[in-house]
C-alpha atoms as a PDB file:
ATOM      1  CA  MET A   1     155.497 187.111  67.144  1.00  0.00           C
ATOM      2  CA  LYS A   2     152.443 185.507  68.740  1.00  0.00           C
ATOM      3  CA  LYS A   3     151.320 184.258  65.331  1.00  0.00           C
ATOM      4  CA  TYR A   4     154.637 182.481  64.790  1.00  0.00           C
ATOM      5  CA  LEU A   5     154.465 180.821  68.203  1.00  0.00           C
ATOM      6  CA  PHE A   6     150.910 179.704  67.496  1.00  0.00           C
ATOM      7  CA  VAL A   7     151.914 178.236  64.126  1.00  0.00           C
ATOM      8  CA  ILE A   8     154.828 176.372  65.730  1.00  0.00           C
ATOM      9  CA  PHE A   9     152.478 175.079  68.429  1.00  0.00           C
ATOM     10  CA  LEU A  10     150.008 173.792  65.799  1.00  0.00           C
ATOM     11  CA  PHE A  11     152.833 172.183  63.868  1.00  0.00           C
ATOM     12  CA  CYS A  12     153.998 170.371  67.021  1.00  0.00           C
ATOM     13  CA  LEU A  13     150.453 169.138  67.647  1.00  0.00           C
ATOM     14  CA  ARG A  14     150.292 167.810  64.106  1.00  0.00           C
ATOM     15  CA  LEU A  15     153.565 165.917  64.571  1.00  0.00           C
ATOM     16  CA  ASN A  16     152.315 164.483  67.842  1.00  0.00           C
ATOM     17  CA  ALA A  17     149.039 163.332  66.241  1.00  0.00           C
ATOM     18  CA  ASN A  18     150.927 161.001  63.885  1.00  0.00           C
ATOM     19  CA  ALA A  19     153.400 159.876  66.506  1.00  0.00           C
ATOM     20  CA  GLN A  20     154.367 156.320  67.129  1.00  0.00           C
ATOM     21  CA  SER A  21     152.645 154.689  70.107  1.00  0.00           C
ATOM     22  CA  ILE A  22     155.603 152.771  71.530  1.00  0.00           C
ATOM     23  CA  SER A  23     159.383 153.029  71.547  1.00  0.00           C
ATOM     24  CA  PHE A  24     162.021 150.381  70.946  1.00  0.00           C
ATOM     25  CA  TYR A  25     162.977 150.603  74.607  1.00  0.00           C
ATOM     26  CA  ASP A  26     159.370 149.824  75.622  1.00  0.00           C
ATOM     27  CA  LEU A  27     159.226 146.831  73.274  1.00  0.00           C
ATOM     28  CA  THR A  28     162.428 145.339  74.669  1.00  0.00           C
ATOM     29  CA  ASN A  29     161.155 145.890  78.196  1.00  0.00           C
ATOM     30  CA  LEU A  30     157.954 143.987  77.363  1.00  0.00           C
ATOM     31  CA  THR A  31     160.044 140.859  76.741  1.00  0.00           C
ATOM     32  CA  ASN A  32     161.330 141.060  80.318  1.00  0.00           C
ATOM     33  CA  LEU A  33     157.827 141.128  81.831  1.00  0.00           C
ATOM     34  CA  SER A  34     155.588 138.160  82.539  1.00  0.00           C
ATOM     35  CA  ASP A  35     152.492 137.907  80.349  1.00  0.00           C
ATOM     36  CA  GLY A  36     150.306 139.367  83.120  1.00  0.00           C
ATOM     37  CA  GLU A  37     152.690 142.253  83.759  1.00  0.00           C
ATOM     38  CA  ALA A  38     152.980 142.997  80.012  1.00  0.00           C
ATOM     39  CA  HIS A  39     149.171 142.939  79.710  1.00  0.00           C
ATOM     40  CA  THR A  40     148.844 145.397  82.598  1.00  0.00           C
ATOM     41  CA  TYR A  41     151.598 147.645  81.198  1.00  0.00           C
ATOM     42  CA  LEU A  42     149.916 147.880  77.801  1.00  0.00           C
ATOM     43  CA  VAL A  43     146.383 148.426  79.129  1.00  0.00           C
ATOM     44  CA  LEU A  44     147.289 150.914  81.875  1.00  0.00           C
ATOM     45  CA  GLY A  45     149.346 152.951  79.408  1.00  0.00           C
ATOM     46  CA  ARG A  46     146.018 153.796  77.699  1.00  0.00           C
ATOM     47  CA  VAL A  47     147.663 153.604  74.293  1.00  0.00           C
ATOM     48  CA  PHE A  48     146.710 150.027  73.437  1.00  0.00           C
ATOM     49  CA  LYS A  49     143.504 148.116  74.111  1.00  0.00           C
ATOM     50  CA  HIS A  50     143.138 144.381  74.466  1.00  0.00           C
ATOM     51  CA  GLN A  51     141.754 142.999  71.229  1.00  0.00           C
ATOM     52  CA  TYR A  52     141.535 139.205  71.665  1.00  0.00           C
ATOM     53  CA  ILE A  53     143.211 136.081  73.043  1.00  0.00           C
ATOM     54  CA  GLU A  54     144.281 133.250  70.781  1.00  0.00           C
ATOM     55  CA  GLU A  55     145.145 129.835  72.160  1.00  0.00           C
ATOM     56  CA  LYS A  56     147.932 128.102  70.261  1.00  0.00           C
ATOM     57  CA  ASP A  57     149.800 124.989  71.407  1.00  0.00           C
ATOM     58  CA  GLY A  58     148.407 125.449  74.919  1.00  0.00           C
ATOM     59  CA  LYS A  59     149.690 129.035  75.158  1.00  0.00           C
ATOM     60  CA  LYS A  60     147.525 132.126  75.471  1.00  0.00           C
ATOM     61  CA  ILE A  61     148.654 134.661  72.912  1.00  0.00           C
ATOM     62  CA  GLU A  62     147.242 138.145  73.508  1.00  0.00           C
ATOM     63  CA  HIS A  63     146.707 140.725  70.786  1.00  0.00           C
ATOM     64  CA  PHE A  64     146.526 144.462  71.470  1.00  0.00           C
ATOM     65  CA  ARG A  65     145.606 147.301  69.125  1.00  0.00           C
ATOM     66  CA  SER A  66     146.314 151.024  69.329  1.00  0.00           C
ATOM     67  CA  ILE A  67     143.426 153.099  70.660  1.00  0.00           C
ATOM     68  CA  ASN A  68     143.998 156.393  68.831  1.00  0.00           C
ATOM     69  CA  SER A  69     142.091 156.335  65.543  1.00  0.00           C
ATOM     70  CA  LYS A  70     144.137 159.273  64.194  1.00  0.00           C
ATOM     71  CA  VAL A  71     147.337 157.207  64.315  1.00  0.00           C
ATOM     72  CA  SER A  72     147.821 154.430  61.777  1.00  0.00           C
ATOM     73  CA  GLU A  73     146.920 151.012  63.124  1.00  0.00           C
ATOM     74  CA  GLN A  74     149.508 149.435  65.405  1.00  0.00           C
ATOM     75  CA  THR A  75     149.283 146.027  67.070  1.00  0.00           C
ATOM     76  CA  ILE A  76     151.329 144.207  69.696  1.00  0.00           C
ATOM     77  CA  THR A  77     151.302 140.466  70.314  1.00  0.00           C
ATOM     78  CA  ILE A  78     152.547 138.959  73.579  1.00  0.00           C
ATOM     79  CA  GLY A  79     152.455 135.450  75.017  1.00  0.00           C
ATOM     80  CA  VAL A  80     154.718 133.728  72.508  1.00  0.00           C
ATOM     81  CA  ASN A  81     157.445 132.142  74.597  1.00  0.00           C
ATOM     82  CA  THR A  82     159.875 129.268  74.817  1.00  0.00           C
ATOM     83  CA  VAL A  83     160.498 127.351  78.030  1.00  0.00           C
ATOM     84  CA  LEU A  84     164.043 126.021  78.323  1.00  0.00           C
ATOM     85  CA  SER A  85     164.915 122.776  80.102  1.00  0.00           C
ATOM     86  CA  SER A  86     166.316 124.873  82.958  1.00  0.00           C
ATOM     87  CA  GLY A  87     162.852 126.412  83.477  1.00  0.00           C
ATOM     88  CA  VAL A  88     163.830 129.802  82.095  1.00  0.00           C
ATOM     89  CA  ILE A  89     161.126 131.418  79.956  1.00  0.00           C
ATOM     90  CA  LEU A  90     162.282 133.333  76.879  1.00  0.00           C
ATOM     91  CA  ARG A  91     159.594 135.730  75.684  1.00  0.00           C
ATOM     92  CA  SER A  92     158.888 137.261  72.319  1.00  0.00           C
ATOM     93  CA  VAL A  93     157.004 140.450  71.395  1.00  0.00           C
ATOM     94  CA  THR A  94     155.690 141.276  67.922  1.00  0.00           C
ATOM     95  CA  TYR A  95     154.826 144.818  66.860  1.00  0.00           C
ATOM     96  CA  THR A  96     153.024 145.522  63.586  1.00  0.00           C
ATOM     97  CA  THR A  97     152.190 148.909  62.090  1.00  0.00           C
ATOM     98  CA  ARG A  98     150.472 150.258  58.997  1.00  0.00           C
ATOM     99  CA  ASN A  99     153.070 153.037  58.798  1.00  0.00           C
ATOM    100  CA  PRO A 100     156.538 151.860  57.671  1.00  0.00           C
ATOM    101  CA  GLN A 101     158.014 155.090  59.038  1.00  0.00           C
ATOM    102  CA  HIS A 102     157.392 153.708  62.539  1.00  0.00           C
ATOM    103  CA  VAL A 103     159.684 150.758  61.791  1.00  0.00           C
ATOM    104  CA  LEU A 104     162.316 153.128  60.393  1.00  0.00           C
ATOM    105  CA  ASN A 105     162.119 155.045  63.690  1.00  0.00           C
ATOM    106  CA  LEU A 106     162.604 151.777  65.610  1.00  0.00           C
ATOM    107  CA  ILE A 107     165.605 150.924  63.408  1.00  0.00           C
ATOM    108  CA  ALA A 108     167.167 154.280  64.282  1.00  0.00           C
ATOM    109  CA  GLN A 109     166.468 153.659  67.981  1.00  0.00           C
ATOM    110  CA  ALA A 110     168.033 150.178  67.773  1.00  0.00           C
ATOM    111  CA  LYS A 111     171.131 151.602  66.081  1.00  0.00           C
ATOM    112  CA  SER A 112     171.493 154.267  68.753  1.00  0.00           C
ATOM    113  CA  GLY A 113     171.137 151.603  71.449  1.00  0.00           C
ATOM    114  CA  ARG A 114     173.602 148.816  72.082  1.00  0.00           C
ATOM    115  CA  LEU A 115     172.380 146.519  69.329  1.00  0.00           C
ATOM    116  CA  THR A 116     174.595 145.476  66.459  1.00  0.00           C
ATOM    117  CA  MET A 117     173.140 145.217  62.968  1.00  0.00           C
ATOM    118  CA  LYS A 118     173.884 141.669  61.834  1.00  0.00           C
ATOM    119  CA  PHE A 119     172.048 141.727  58.528  1.00  0.00           C
ATOM    120  CA  GLN A 120     170.437 144.172  56.131  1.00  0.00           C
ATOM    121  CA  GLY A 121     168.862 142.882  52.960  1.00  0.00           C
ATOM    122  CA  SER A 122     165.620 142.111  51.211  1.00  0.00           C
ATOM    123  CA  ASP A 123     163.533 139.321  49.807  1.00  0.00           C
ATOM    124  CA  VAL A 124     160.580 139.382  47.420  1.00  0.00           C
ATOM    125  CA  ASP A 125     158.209 140.936  49.975  1.00  0.00           C
ATOM    126  CA  ASN A 126     160.288 142.759  52.610  1.00  0.00           C
ATOM    127  CA  ASN A 127     163.313 144.841  53.427  1.00  0.00           C
ATOM    128  CA  ILE A 128     164.880 142.964  56.335  1.00  0.00           C
ATOM    129  CA  TYR A 129     166.983 144.281  59.217  1.00  0.00           C
ATOM    130  CA  VAL A 130     168.393 141.977  61.906  1.00  0.00           C
ATOM    131  CA  PHE A 131     169.911 143.270  65.139  1.00  0.00           C
ATOM    132  CA  ASP A 132     171.493 141.326  67.958  1.00  0.00           C
ATOM    133  CA  ASN A 133     173.154 141.663  71.342  1.00  0.00           C
ATOM    134  CA  ASP A 134     173.621 139.465  74.415  1.00  0.00           C
ATOM    135  CA  PHE A 135     169.985 139.844  75.462  1.00  0.00           C
ATOM    136  CA  TYR A 136     167.832 140.245  72.337  1.00  0.00           C
ATOM    137  CA  HIS A 137     167.516 139.050  68.762  1.00  0.00           C
ATOM    138  CA  VAL A 138     165.525 141.603  66.756  1.00  0.00           C
ATOM    139  CA  LYS A 139     164.063 141.153  63.272  1.00  0.00           C
ATOM    140  CA  MET A 140     162.506 144.140  61.500  1.00  0.00           C
ATOM    141  CA  TYR A 141     160.582 143.899  58.248  1.00  0.00           C
ATOM    142  CA  ILE A 142     159.327 146.694  56.017  1.00  0.00           C
ATOM    143  CA  SER A 143     157.000 145.411  53.336  1.00  0.00           C
ATOM    144  CA  THR A 144     157.799 146.341  49.748  1.00  0.00           C
ATOM    145  CA  THR A 145     154.377 145.226  48.497  1.00  0.00           C
ATOM    146  CA  GLU A 146     152.087 146.589  51.226  1.00  0.00           C
ATOM    147  CA  ASN A 147     152.110 149.637  53.468  1.00  0.00           C
ATOM    148  CA  LYS A 148     153.150 147.917  56.714  1.00  0.00           C
ATOM    149  CA  GLY A 149     156.046 146.932  58.906  1.00  0.00           C
ATOM    150  CA  THR A 150     156.739 144.324  61.571  1.00  0.00           C
ATOM    151  CA  VAL A 151     159.221 144.071  64.434  1.00  0.00           C
ATOM    152  CA  VAL A 152     159.863 140.808  66.292  1.00  0.00           C
ATOM    153  CA  ILE A 153     161.929 140.980  69.480  1.00  0.00           C
ATOM    154  CA  GLU A 154     163.033 137.668  70.964  1.00  0.00           C
ATOM    155  CA  GLN A 155     164.669 137.359  74.339  1.00  0.00           C
ATOM    156  CA  LYS A 156     167.910 135.360  74.365  1.00  0.00           C
ATOM    157  CA  ASP A 157     169.272 133.043  77.037  1.00  0.00           C
ATOM    158  CA  PHE A 158     172.068 134.961  78.710  1.00  0.00           C
ATOM    159  CA  ILE A 159     174.838 132.855  80.171  1.00  0.00           C
ATOM    160  CA  GLY A 160     176.928 134.861  82.606  1.00  0.00           C
ATOM    161  CA  TYR A 161     180.560 134.050  83.217  1.00  0.00           C
END
């Protein structure tokens, strides 16, 4: 009996070693944080490390990379935002992984959440999934030519009644 428990324990460790570093819920929450708060959240979580800052159109775009070398490479980009005439800032978060299974997991999480699938299709390079609700517009891409996937979550302007 002890042998079976030990084997199950090792199997669980193996599953955890290839686990995804961030959930769909975490990605959507990153869009609600300011750039400084998102930076702190990612660094203090000790899952991602700050890689570099890119300045584009006067905006500081930060790139983070997963720390665990046993997990396929995952990156997160924050700092891409749109300022509306009302002063509201709409933020965008991009997640990229070298394991397409991670994007499939995020698709399942989006379906189980309150997002509606608006489009499912493909082009020459990617399988494309688009989700939408009152707060977020989500585009998910799984490459058909390379072993990678990308998720882009854009915050939407919510107009209450």
